[in-house]
């Protein structure tokens, strides 16, 4: 299981793939169903959509 939070290295975020089990360390724990990575010019935003209809997002 991969923990996603503000301290997770970018290298780890880049390696997460659909089907991996992830957690935010609190209440969101499930399998990744979809991944969106966007760049707003200042930050790269990683959004991991879980099969429980929840989303874990983090900025780098």
PDB file of N, CA and C in Angstrom:
ATOM      1  N   UNK A   1       0.844  -1.172   0.000  1.00  0.00           N
ATOM      2  CA  UNK A   1       0.000   0.000   0.000  1.00  0.00           C
ATOM      3  C   UNK A   1       0.894   1.241   0.000  1.00  0.00           C
ATOM      4  N   UNK A   2       0.500   2.228  -0.782  1.00  0.00           N
ATOM      5  CA  UNK A   2       1.280   3.454  -0.927  1.00  0.00           C
ATOM      6  C   UNK A   2       0.542   4.588  -0.219  1.00  0.00           C
ATOM      7  N   UNK A   3       1.244   5.289   0.650  1.00  0.00           N
ATOM      8  CA  UNK A   3       0.655   6.432   1.351  1.00  0.00           C
ATOM      9  C   UNK A   3       0.918   7.693   0.550  1.00  0.00           C
ATOM     10  N   UNK A   4      -0.173   8.428   0.253  1.00  0.00           N
ATOM     11  CA  UNK A   4      -0.069   9.675  -0.506  1.00  0.00           C
ATOM     12  C   UNK A   4      -0.361  10.830   0.440  1.00  0.00           C
ATOM     13  N   UNK A   5       0.657  11.692   0.625  1.00  0.00           N
ATOM     14  CA  UNK A   5       0.479  12.901   1.418  1.00  0.00           C
ATOM     15  C   UNK A   5       1.477  13.942   0.923  1.00  0.00           C
ATOM     16  N   UNK A   6       1.620  15.045   1.648  1.00  0.00           N
ATOM     17  CA  UNK A   6       2.493  16.133   1.202  1.00  0.00           C
ATOM     18  C   UNK A   6       3.966  15.744   1.216  1.00  0.00           C
ATOM     19  N   UNK A   7       4.307  14.669   1.913  1.00  0.00           N
ATOM     20  CA  UNK A   7       5.701  14.231   2.008  1.00  0.00           C
ATOM     21  C   UNK A   7       6.071  13.129   1.022  1.00  0.00           C
ATOM     22  N   UNK A   8       5.111  12.654   0.251  1.00  0.00           N
ATOM     23  CA  UNK A   8       5.378  11.587  -0.715  1.00  0.00           C
ATOM     24  C   UNK A   8       6.242  12.132  -1.851  1.00  0.00           C
ATOM     25  N   UNK A   9       7.398  11.516  -2.116  1.00  0.00           N
ATOM     26  CA  UNK A   9       8.269  12.007  -3.195  1.00  0.00           C
ATOM     27  C   UNK A   9       7.604  11.922  -4.568  1.00  0.00           C
ATOM     28  N   UNK A  10       7.960  12.851  -5.442  1.00  0.00           N
ATOM     29  CA  UNK A  10       7.416  12.877  -6.806  1.00  0.00           C
ATOM     30  C   UNK A  10       7.702  11.563  -7.520  1.00  0.00           C
ATOM     31  N   UNK A  11       8.867  10.972  -7.278  1.00  0.00           N
ATOM     32  CA  UNK A  11       9.218   9.710  -7.933  1.00  0.00           C
ATOM     33  C   UNK A  11       8.207   8.620  -7.596  1.00  0.00           C
ATOM     34  N   UNK A  12       7.739   8.604  -6.370  1.00  0.00           N
ATOM     35  CA  UNK A  12       6.739   7.611  -5.943  1.00  0.00           C
ATOM     36  C   UNK A  12       5.395   7.914  -6.601  1.00  0.00           C
ATOM     37  N   UNK A  13       5.001   9.187  -6.633  1.00  0.00           N
ATOM     38  CA  UNK A  13       3.731   9.567  -7.265  1.00  0.00           C
ATOM     39  C   UNK A  13       3.718   9.184  -8.738  1.00  0.00           C
ATOM     40  N   UNK A  14       4.840   9.358  -9.421  1.00  0.00           N
ATOM     41  CA  UNK A  14       4.935   9.036 -10.846  1.00  0.00           C
ATOM     42  C   UNK A  14       4.835   7.533 -11.110  1.00  0.00           C
ATOM     43  N   UNK A  15       5.188   6.708 -10.139  1.00  0.00           N
ATOM     44  CA  UNK A  15       5.175   5.253 -10.323  1.00  0.00           C
ATOM     45  C   UNK A  15       3.830   4.608  -9.997  1.00  0.00           C
ATOM     46  N   UNK A  16       2.918   5.342  -9.362  1.00  0.00           N
ATOM     47  CA  UNK A  16       1.611   4.773  -9.020  1.00  0.00           C
ATOM     48  C   UNK A  16       0.839   4.526 -10.307  1.00  0.00           C
ATOM     49  N   UNK A  17       0.195   3.360 -10.371  1.00  0.00           N
ATOM     50  CA  UNK A  17      -0.558   2.994 -11.570  1.00  0.00           C
ATOM     51  C   UNK A  17      -1.944   2.492 -11.184  1.00  0.00           C
ATOM     52  N   UNK A  18      -2.808   2.395 -12.179  1.00  0.00           N
ATOM     53  CA  UNK A  18      -4.169   1.895 -11.971  1.00  0.00           C
ATOM     54  C   UNK A  18      -4.081   0.491 -11.370  1.00  0.00           C
ATOM     55  N   UNK A  19      -4.862   0.262 -10.326  1.00  0.00           N
ATOM     56  CA  UNK A  19      -4.872  -1.036  -9.658  1.00  0.00           C
ATOM     57  C   UNK A  19      -4.061  -1.069  -8.376  1.00  0.00           C
ATOM     58  N   UNK A  20      -3.187  -0.067  -8.167  1.00  0.00           N
ATOM     59  CA  UNK A  20      -2.412  -0.009  -6.924  1.00  0.00           C
ATOM     60  C   UNK A  20      -3.314   0.374  -5.750  1.00  0.00           C
ATOM     61  N   UNK A  21      -3.017  -0.161  -4.581  1.00  0.00           N
ATOM     62  CA  UNK A  21      -3.747   0.228  -3.378  1.00  0.00           C
ATOM     63  C   UNK A  21      -3.029   1.417  -2.752  1.00  0.00           C
ATOM     64  N   UNK A  22      -3.806   2.484  -2.483  1.00  0.00           N
ATOM     65  CA  UNK A  22      -3.240   3.702  -1.910  1.00  0.00           C
ATOM     66  C   UNK A  22      -4.075   4.143  -0.707  1.00  0.00           C
ATOM     67  N   UNK A  23      -3.487   5.022   0.097  1.00  0.00           N
ATOM     68  CA  UNK A  23      -4.182   5.582   1.251  1.00  0.00           C
ATOM     69  C   UNK A  23      -3.713   7.007   1.463  1.00  0.00           C
ATOM     70  N   UNK A  24      -4.556   7.802   2.100  1.00  0.00           N
ATOM     71  CA  UNK A  24      -4.133   9.142   2.492  1.00  0.00           C
ATOM     72  C   UNK A  24      -3.691   9.146   3.954  1.00  0.00           C
ATOM     73  N   UNK A  25      -3.769   7.987   4.597  1.00  0.00           N
ATOM     74  CA  UNK A  25      -3.357   7.857   5.992  1.00  0.00           C
ATOM     75  C   UNK A  25      -4.483   8.111   6.979  1.00  0.00           C
ATOM     76  N   UNK A  26      -5.639   8.515   6.483  1.00  0.00           N
ATOM     77  CA  UNK A  26      -6.762   8.810   7.364  1.00  0.00           C
ATOM     78  C   UNK A  26      -7.960   7.940   7.001  1.00  0.00           C
ATOM     79  N   UNK A  27      -8.812   8.434   6.115  1.00  0.00           N
ATOM     80  CA  UNK A  27     -10.052   7.718   5.823  1.00  0.00           C
ATOM     81  C   UNK A  27     -10.163   7.199   4.396  1.00  0.00           C
ATOM     82  N   UNK A  28      -9.247   7.579   3.535  1.00  0.00           N
ATOM     83  CA  UNK A  28      -9.330   7.178   2.132  1.00  0.00           C
ATOM     84  C   UNK A  28      -8.309   6.083   1.846  1.00  0.00           C
ATOM     85  N   UNK A  29      -8.806   4.870   1.679  1.00  0.00           N
ATOM     86  CA  UNK A  29      -7.952   3.741   1.340  1.00  0.00           C
ATOM     87  C   UNK A  29      -8.698   2.890   0.324  1.00  0.00           C
ATOM     88  N   UNK A  30      -8.093   2.675  -0.828  1.00  0.00           N
ATOM     89  CA  UNK A  30      -8.745   1.870  -1.849  1.00  0.00           C
ATOM     90  C   UNK A  30      -7.795   1.672  -3.030  1.00  0.00           C
ATOM     91  N   UNK A  31      -8.324   1.079  -4.099  1.00  0.00           N
ATOM     92  CA  UNK A  31      -7.562   0.844  -5.315  1.00  0.00           C
ATOM     93  C   UNK A  31      -7.729   2.020  -6.274  1.00  0.00           C
ATOM     94  N   UNK A  32      -6.652   2.356  -6.978  1.00  0.00           N
ATOM     95  CA  UNK A  32      -6.684   3.446  -7.950  1.00  0.00           C
ATOM     96  C   UNK A  32      -7.446   2.988  -9.189  1.00  0.00           C
ATOM     97  N   UNK A  33      -8.432   3.807  -9.578  1.00  0.00           N
ATOM     98  CA  UNK A  33      -9.235   3.513 -10.756  1.00  0.00           C
ATOM     99  C   UNK A  33      -8.826   4.388 -11.945  1.00  0.00           C
ATOM    100  N   UNK A  34      -8.388   5.620 -11.642  1.00  0.00           N
ATOM    101  CA  UNK A  34      -7.993   6.565 -12.690  1.00  0.00           C
ATOM    102  C   UNK A  34      -7.006   7.562 -12.100  1.00  0.00           C
ATOM    103  N   UNK A  35      -6.098   8.063 -12.933  1.00  0.00           N
ATOM    104  CA  UNK A  35      -5.096   9.036 -12.490  1.00  0.00           C
ATOM    105  C   UNK A  35      -5.122  10.230 -13.430  1.00  0.00           C
ATOM    106  N   UNK A  36      -5.198  11.432 -12.848  1.00  0.00           N
ATOM    107  CA  UNK A  36      -5.088  12.668 -13.621  1.00  0.00           C
ATOM    108  C   UNK A  36      -3.908  13.463 -13.089  1.00  0.00           C
ATOM    109  N   UNK A  37      -3.038  13.889 -13.990  1.00  0.00           N
ATOM    110  CA  UNK A  37      -1.914  14.744 -13.626  1.00  0.00           C
ATOM    111  C   UNK A  37      -2.034  16.011 -14.455  1.00  0.00           C
ATOM    112  N   UNK A  38      -2.165  17.148 -13.773  1.00  0.00           N
ATOM    113  CA  UNK A  38      -2.288  18.418 -14.482  1.00  0.00           C
ATOM    114  C   UNK A  38      -1.231  19.386 -13.973  1.00  0.00           C
ATOM    115  N   UNK A  39      -0.921  20.353 -14.807  1.00  0.00           N
ATOM    116  CA  UNK A  39       0.075  21.360 -14.463  1.00  0.00           C
ATOM    117  C   UNK A  39      -0.593  22.720 -14.557  1.00  0.00           C
ATOM    118  N   UNK A  40      -0.697  23.423 -13.418  1.00  0.00           N
ATOM    119  CA  UNK A  40      -1.353  24.733 -13.422  1.00  0.00           C
ATOM    120  C   UNK A  40      -0.360  25.878 -13.616  1.00  0.00           C
ATOM    121  N   UNK A  41       0.860  25.559 -13.992  1.00  0.00           N
ATOM    122  CA  UNK A  41       1.880  26.561 -14.215  1.00  0.00           C
ATOM    123  C   UNK A  41       2.775  26.777 -13.004  1.00  0.00           C
ATOM    124  N   UNK A  42       2.216  26.607 -11.828  1.00  0.00           N
ATOM    125  CA  UNK A  42       2.983  26.764 -10.602  1.00  0.00           C
ATOM    126  C   UNK A  42       3.244  25.415  -9.942  1.00  0.00           C
ATOM    127  N   UNK A  43       2.225  24.568  -9.965  1.00  0.00           N
ATOM    128  CA  UNK A  43       2.310  23.244  -9.352  1.00  0.00           C
ATOM    129  C   UNK A  43       1.889  22.175 -10.336  1.00  0.00           C
ATOM    130  N   UNK A  44       2.344  20.968 -10.080  1.00  0.00           N
ATOM    131  CA  UNK A  44       1.845  19.784 -10.761  1.00  0.00           C
ATOM    132  C   UNK A  44       0.857  19.151  -9.787  1.00  0.00           C
ATOM    133  N   UNK A  45      -0.376  18.936 -10.226  1.00  0.00           N
ATOM    134  CA  UNK A  45      -1.423  18.394  -9.360  1.00  0.00           C
ATOM    135  C   UNK A  45      -1.671  16.937  -9.735  1.00  0.00           C
ATOM    136  N   UNK A  46      -1.499  16.058  -8.756  1.00  0.00           N
ATOM    137  CA  UNK A  46      -1.739  14.628  -8.936  1.00  0.00           C
ATOM    138  C   UNK A  46      -3.068  14.288  -8.279  1.00  0.00           C
ATOM    139  N   UNK A  47      -4.015  13.750  -9.057  1.00  0.00           N
ATOM    140  CA  UNK A  47      -5.316  13.335  -8.531  1.00  0.00           C
ATOM    141  C   UNK A  47      -5.492  11.845  -8.796  1.00  0.00           C
ATOM    142  N   UNK A  48      -5.697  11.113  -7.734  1.00  0.00           N
ATOM    143  CA  UNK A  48      -5.880   9.663  -7.823  1.00  0.00           C
ATOM    144  C   UNK A  48      -7.331   9.348  -7.482  1.00  0.00           C
ATOM    145  N   UNK A  49      -8.076   8.880  -8.468  1.00  0.00           N
ATOM    146  CA  UNK A  49      -9.493   8.549  -8.295  1.00  0.00           C
ATOM    147  C   UNK A  49      -9.588   7.094  -7.863  1.00  0.00           C
ATOM    148  N   UNK A  50     -10.262   6.872  -6.751  1.00  0.00           N
ATOM    149  CA  UNK A  50     -10.345   5.531  -6.175  1.00  0.00           C
ATOM    150  C   UNK A  50     -11.642   4.851  -6.571  1.00  0.00           C
ATOM    151  N   UNK A  51     -11.670   3.532  -6.451  1.00  0.00           N
ATOM    152  CA  UNK A  51     -12.880   2.795  -6.822  1.00  0.00           C
ATOM    153  C   UNK A  51     -13.997   2.958  -5.800  1.00  0.00           C
ATOM    154  N   UNK A  52     -13.766   3.727  -4.762  1.00  0.00           N
ATOM    155  CA  UNK A  52     -14.796   4.040  -3.765  1.00  0.00           C
ATOM    156  C   UNK A  52     -15.398   5.422  -4.012  1.00  0.00           C
ATOM    157  N   UNK A  53     -15.149   5.988  -5.208  1.00  0.00           N
ATOM    158  CA  UNK A  53     -15.643   7.315  -5.616  1.00  0.00           C
ATOM    159  C   UNK A  53     -15.043   8.443  -4.785  1.00  0.00           C
ATOM    160  N   UNK A  54     -13.880   8.229  -4.225  1.00  0.00           N
ATOM    161  CA  UNK A  54     -13.159   9.277  -3.515  1.00  0.00           C
ATOM    162  C   UNK A  54     -11.928   9.660  -4.325  1.00  0.00           C
ATOM    163  N   UNK A  55     -11.345  10.802  -3.999  1.00  0.00           N
ATOM    164  CA  UNK A  55     -10.169  11.294  -4.721  1.00  0.00           C
ATOM    165  C   UNK A  55      -9.111  11.720  -3.710  1.00  0.00           C
ATOM    166  N   UNK A  56      -7.879  11.316  -3.960  1.00  0.00           N
ATOM    167  CA  UNK A  56      -6.737  11.798  -3.191  1.00  0.00           C
ATOM    168  C   UNK A  56      -5.938  12.694  -4.116  1.00  0.00           C
ATOM    169  N   UNK A  57      -5.769  13.967  -3.728  1.00  0.00           N
ATOM    170  CA  UNK A  57      -5.022  14.917  -4.547  1.00  0.00           C
ATOM    171  C   UNK A  57      -3.852  15.495  -3.747  1.00  0.00           C
ATOM    172  N   UNK A  58      -2.786  15.802  -4.481  1.00  0.00           N
ATOM    173  CA  UNK A  58      -1.618  16.431  -3.865  1.00  0.00           C
ATOM    174  C   UNK A  58      -0.936  17.300  -4.904  1.00  0.00           C
ATOM    175  N   UNK A  59      -0.300  18.377  -4.446  1.00  0.00           N
ATOM    176  CA  UNK A  59       0.405  19.312  -5.340  1.00  0.00           C
ATOM    177  C   UNK A  59       1.899  19.193  -5.126  1.00  0.00           C
ATOM    178  N   UNK A  60       2.659  19.398  -6.191  1.00  0.00           N
ATOM    179  CA  UNK A  60       4.131  19.435  -6.114  1.00  0.00           C
ATOM    180  C   UNK A  60       4.651  20.554  -6.951  1.00  0.00           C
TER     181      UNK A  60
END
